[in-house]
Amino acid sequence: MGFGALRSIIRPLSRALVPRTSTSTTTSFAAAASAPVKSELRSVIGGSFGFQTPWFAVLRDFSSLTNTRFPKRRPSDKPRRKRASLRPPGPYKLVPYVPGEPIAAKPNEGSVKRRNEKKRIKQRRAFILAEKKKRQAQVQEANRKKNIKRIERKMAAVAREREWAQRLAELQRLEEEKKKSVA
């Protein structure tokens, strides 16, 4: 059973069983009107129920917590505009008019539609292009450094091979001299 069903059970009980402690005539009228409801509820439930139980105050507070009805907005005869007070009075644009002559259509010569939006688009494209050029330069530099290191490693390997060949030739010559001296 959800909160909605529980609330629909608790709310009428709390309204019927809680005594109204206001001095206004409307609440006394409501209390007088709810007196038969109280007696009917007591007869159905059995005896005096609401005032002796200690958990009834908790239920009353719980029902007020689950009450989802908020006071409505005050009605008005016309909708309020958001920034109506900031708009100057008078017509939107003053058009020069000479009686008897037709009104000439004068478009705003300096106006460009979506000027700021187009400017932002151009700036964004220029920024993307500049970043692309920067990245290309960085990649080029990294590739150049990588190629230089690879060439250096190859040259070092060739130098090691040459040194090893020389060392091997010298060792073989020493072995030959040793054999000649022993024999």
Protein backbone atom coordinates (compact mmCIF):
# COMPACT_ATOMS: atom_id res chain seq x y z
CA MET A 1 0.00 0.00 0.00
CA GLY A 2 1.48 3.33 -1.07
CA PHE A 3 1.58 6.70 0.59
CA GLY A 4 -1.41 7.92 -1.40
CA ALA A 5 -3.73 5.27 -0.02
CA LEU A 6 -2.36 5.73 3.50
CA ARG A 7 -2.81 9.48 3.26
CA SER A 8 -6.37 9.13 2.00
CA ILE A 9 -7.16 7.01 5.08
CA ILE A 10 -5.32 9.15 7.64
CA ARG A 11 -6.41 12.61 6.46
CA PRO A 12 -10.20 12.19 7.05
CA LEU A 13 -9.48 10.57 10.41
CA SER A 14 -7.26 13.43 11.51
CA ARG A 15 -9.80 16.01 10.36
CA ALA A 16 -12.63 14.29 12.17
CA LEU A 17 -10.82 13.53 15.43
CA VAL A 18 -8.65 16.60 16.02
CA PRO A 19 -10.45 19.31 18.01
CA ARG A 20 -10.29 22.78 16.50
CA THR A 21 -8.93 25.34 18.99
CA SER A 22 -9.72 28.55 17.16
CA THR A 23 -12.18 31.23 18.29
CA SER A 24 -13.43 32.20 14.84
CA THR A 25 -17.01 31.52 13.83
CA THR A 26 -16.03 29.50 10.78
CA THR A 27 -14.05 26.97 12.81
CA SER A 28 -16.80 26.70 15.43
CA PHE A 29 -19.25 26.08 12.58
CA ALA A 30 -16.91 23.43 11.17
CA ALA A 31 -16.60 21.83 14.61
CA ALA A 32 -20.38 21.81 15.01
CA ALA A 33 -20.75 20.29 11.55
CA SER A 34 -18.16 17.62 12.29
CA ALA A 35 -19.75 16.61 15.63
CA PRO A 36 -22.08 14.04 14.03
CA VAL A 37 -19.13 12.68 12.05
CA LYS A 38 -17.18 12.22 15.30
CA SER A 39 -20.02 10.37 16.95
CA GLU A 40 -20.48 8.15 13.89
CA LEU A 41 -16.75 7.41 13.79
CA ARG A 42 -16.71 6.54 17.49
CA SER A 43 -19.65 4.22 17.07
CA VAL A 44 -17.98 2.49 14.11
CA ILE A 45 -14.53 2.20 15.71
CA GLY A 46 -15.80 1.62 19.22
CA GLY A 47 -15.70 4.10 22.07
CA SER A 48 -13.60 7.19 22.49
CA PHE A 49 -10.64 6.56 20.23
CA GLY A 50 -8.71 9.63 19.24
CA PHE A 51 -7.96 11.50 22.40
CA GLN A 52 -6.44 8.82 24.65
CA THR A 53 -4.06 7.19 22.15
CA PRO A 54 -0.51 8.56 22.33
CA TRP A 55 0.30 7.87 18.68
CA PHE A 56 -2.52 10.03 17.39
CA ALA A 57 -0.44 13.23 17.58
CA VAL A 58 2.26 11.49 15.54
CA LEU A 59 -0.30 10.54 12.91
CA ARG A 60 -1.64 14.10 12.83
CA ASP A 61 1.86 15.51 12.24
CA PHE A 62 2.59 12.81 9.66
CA SER A 63 -0.50 13.70 7.66
CA SER A 64 0.54 17.36 7.62
CA LEU A 65 3.96 16.31 6.32
CA THR A 66 2.43 14.29 3.48
CA ASN A 67 0.02 17.04 2.47
CA THR A 68 0.92 17.99 -1.11
CA ARG A 69 -1.62 20.73 -1.67
CA PHE A 70 -0.10 24.19 -1.95
CA PRO A 71 -1.98 27.47 -2.08
CA LYS A 72 -2.65 28.55 -5.63
CA ARG A 73 -1.35 31.70 -7.26
CA ARG A 74 -3.58 34.73 -7.03
CA PRO A 75 -5.64 35.21 -10.17
CA SER A 76 -4.97 38.25 -12.35
CA ASP A 77 -6.84 39.70 -15.27
CA LYS A 78 -3.75 39.96 -17.51
CA PRO A 79 -0.50 37.97 -17.64
CA ARG A 80 2.52 39.67 -16.13
CA ARG A 81 5.48 40.14 -18.44
CA LYS A 82 8.86 39.32 -17.05
CA ARG A 83 10.62 42.65 -17.64
CA ALA A 84 7.69 44.86 -18.52
CA SER A 85 8.88 47.66 -16.23
CA LEU A 86 12.17 48.02 -18.13
CA ARG A 87 10.55 48.51 -21.53
CA PRO A 88 10.18 52.19 -22.45
CA PRO A 89 6.68 53.40 -23.25
CA GLY A 90 5.69 54.18 -26.83
CA PRO A 91 5.90 52.43 -30.18
CA TYR A 92 8.67 50.01 -31.09
CA LYS A 93 10.02 52.24 -33.88
CA LEU A 94 9.15 55.71 -35.06
CA VAL A 95 8.48 55.77 -38.81
CA PRO A 96 8.58 59.12 -40.62
CA TYR A 97 5.26 59.65 -42.36
CA VAL A 98 4.05 62.46 -44.63
CA PRO A 99 0.27 62.50 -45.17
CA GLY A 100 -0.67 61.52 -48.69
CA GLU A 101 2.61 59.69 -49.46
CA PRO A 102 3.17 55.95 -49.07
CA ILE A 103 5.45 54.80 -46.28
CA ALA A 104 8.85 53.95 -47.79
CA ALA A 105 10.39 50.65 -46.78
CA LYS A 106 13.76 51.47 -45.23
CA PRO A 107 15.69 48.41 -44.22
CA ASN A 108 18.44 48.97 -41.70
CA GLU A 109 21.48 49.36 -43.92
CA GLY A 110 24.07 48.44 -41.32
CA SER A 111 22.26 45.51 -39.79
CA VAL A 112 23.39 41.96 -40.42
CA LYS A 113 21.28 39.08 -39.21
CA ARG A 114 22.99 36.77 -36.72
CA ARG A 115 26.07 39.05 -36.62
CA ASN A 116 27.27 37.89 -33.21
CA GLU A 117 26.52 34.26 -33.95
CA LYS A 118 28.48 34.39 -37.22
CA LYS A 119 31.33 36.12 -35.40
CA ARG A 120 31.40 33.35 -32.78
CA ILE A 121 31.38 30.70 -35.53
CA LYS A 122 34.33 32.38 -37.29
CA GLN A 123 36.27 32.70 -34.03
CA ARG A 124 35.62 29.06 -33.24
CA ARG A 125 36.79 27.95 -36.69
CA ALA A 126 39.91 30.11 -36.43
CA PHE A 127 40.67 28.67 -32.99
CA ILE A 128 40.21 25.09 -34.24
CA LEU A 129 42.47 25.80 -37.24
CA ALA A 130 45.16 27.35 -35.01
CA GLU A 131 45.04 24.35 -32.65
CA LYS A 132 45.23 21.99 -35.62
CA LYS A 133 48.34 23.79 -36.93
CA LYS A 134 49.91 23.66 -33.46
CA ARG A 135 49.26 19.93 -33.20
CA GLN A 136 50.64 19.32 -36.70
CA ALA A 137 53.81 21.23 -35.79
CA GLN A 138 54.16 19.20 -32.57
CA VAL A 139 53.68 15.91 -34.43
CA GLN A 140 56.23 16.97 -37.07
CA GLU A 141 58.77 17.87 -34.38
CA ALA A 142 58.18 14.57 -32.56
CA ASN A 143 58.60 12.59 -35.80
CA ARG A 144 61.81 14.48 -36.61
CA LYS A 145 63.25 13.72 -33.14
CA LYS A 146 62.23 10.08 -33.48
CA ASN A 147 63.94 9.79 -36.86
CA ILE A 148 67.13 11.41 -35.49
CA LYS A 149 67.23 8.93 -32.59
CA ARG A 150 66.67 5.99 -34.93
CA ILE A 151 69.51 7.15 -37.21
CA GLU A 152 71.77 7.62 -34.18
CA ARG A 153 70.96 4.08 -32.98
CA LYS A 154 71.75 2.67 -36.45
CA MET A 155 75.05 4.57 -36.59
CA ALA A 156 75.97 3.35 -33.11
CA ALA A 157 75.19 -0.22 -34.15
CA VAL A 158 77.39 0.14 -37.26
CA ALA A 159 80.21 1.60 -35.12
CA ARG A 160 79.89 -1.31 -32.64
CA GLU A 161 80.00 -3.81 -35.49
CA ARG A 162 83.12 -2.13 -36.94
CA GLU A 163 84.81 -2.07 -33.51
CA TRP A 164 83.93 -5.70 -32.93
CA ALA A 165 85.32 -6.68 -36.35
CA GLN A 166 88.56 -4.82 -35.56
CA ARG A 167 88.78 -6.40 -32.10
CA LEU A 168 88.11 -9.84 -33.58
CA ALA A 169 90.85 -9.35 -36.19
CA GLU A 170 93.27 -8.24 -33.45
CA LEU A 171 92.39 -11.26 -31.28
CA GLN A 172 92.91 -13.61 -34.21
CA ARG A 173 96.31 -11.99 -34.92
CA LEU A 174 97.28 -12.41 -31.24
CA GLU A 175 96.25 -16.08 -31.37
CA GLU A 176 98.37 -16.61 -34.46
CA GLU A 177 101.39 -14.97 -32.78
CA LYS A 178 100.84 -17.11 -29.68
CA LYS A 179 100.73 -20.28 -31.75
CA LYS A 180 103.89 -19.27 -33.62
CA SER A 181 105.72 -18.50 -30.38
CA VAL A 182 104.68 -21.83 -28.81
CA ALA A 183 105.56 -23.89 -31.88
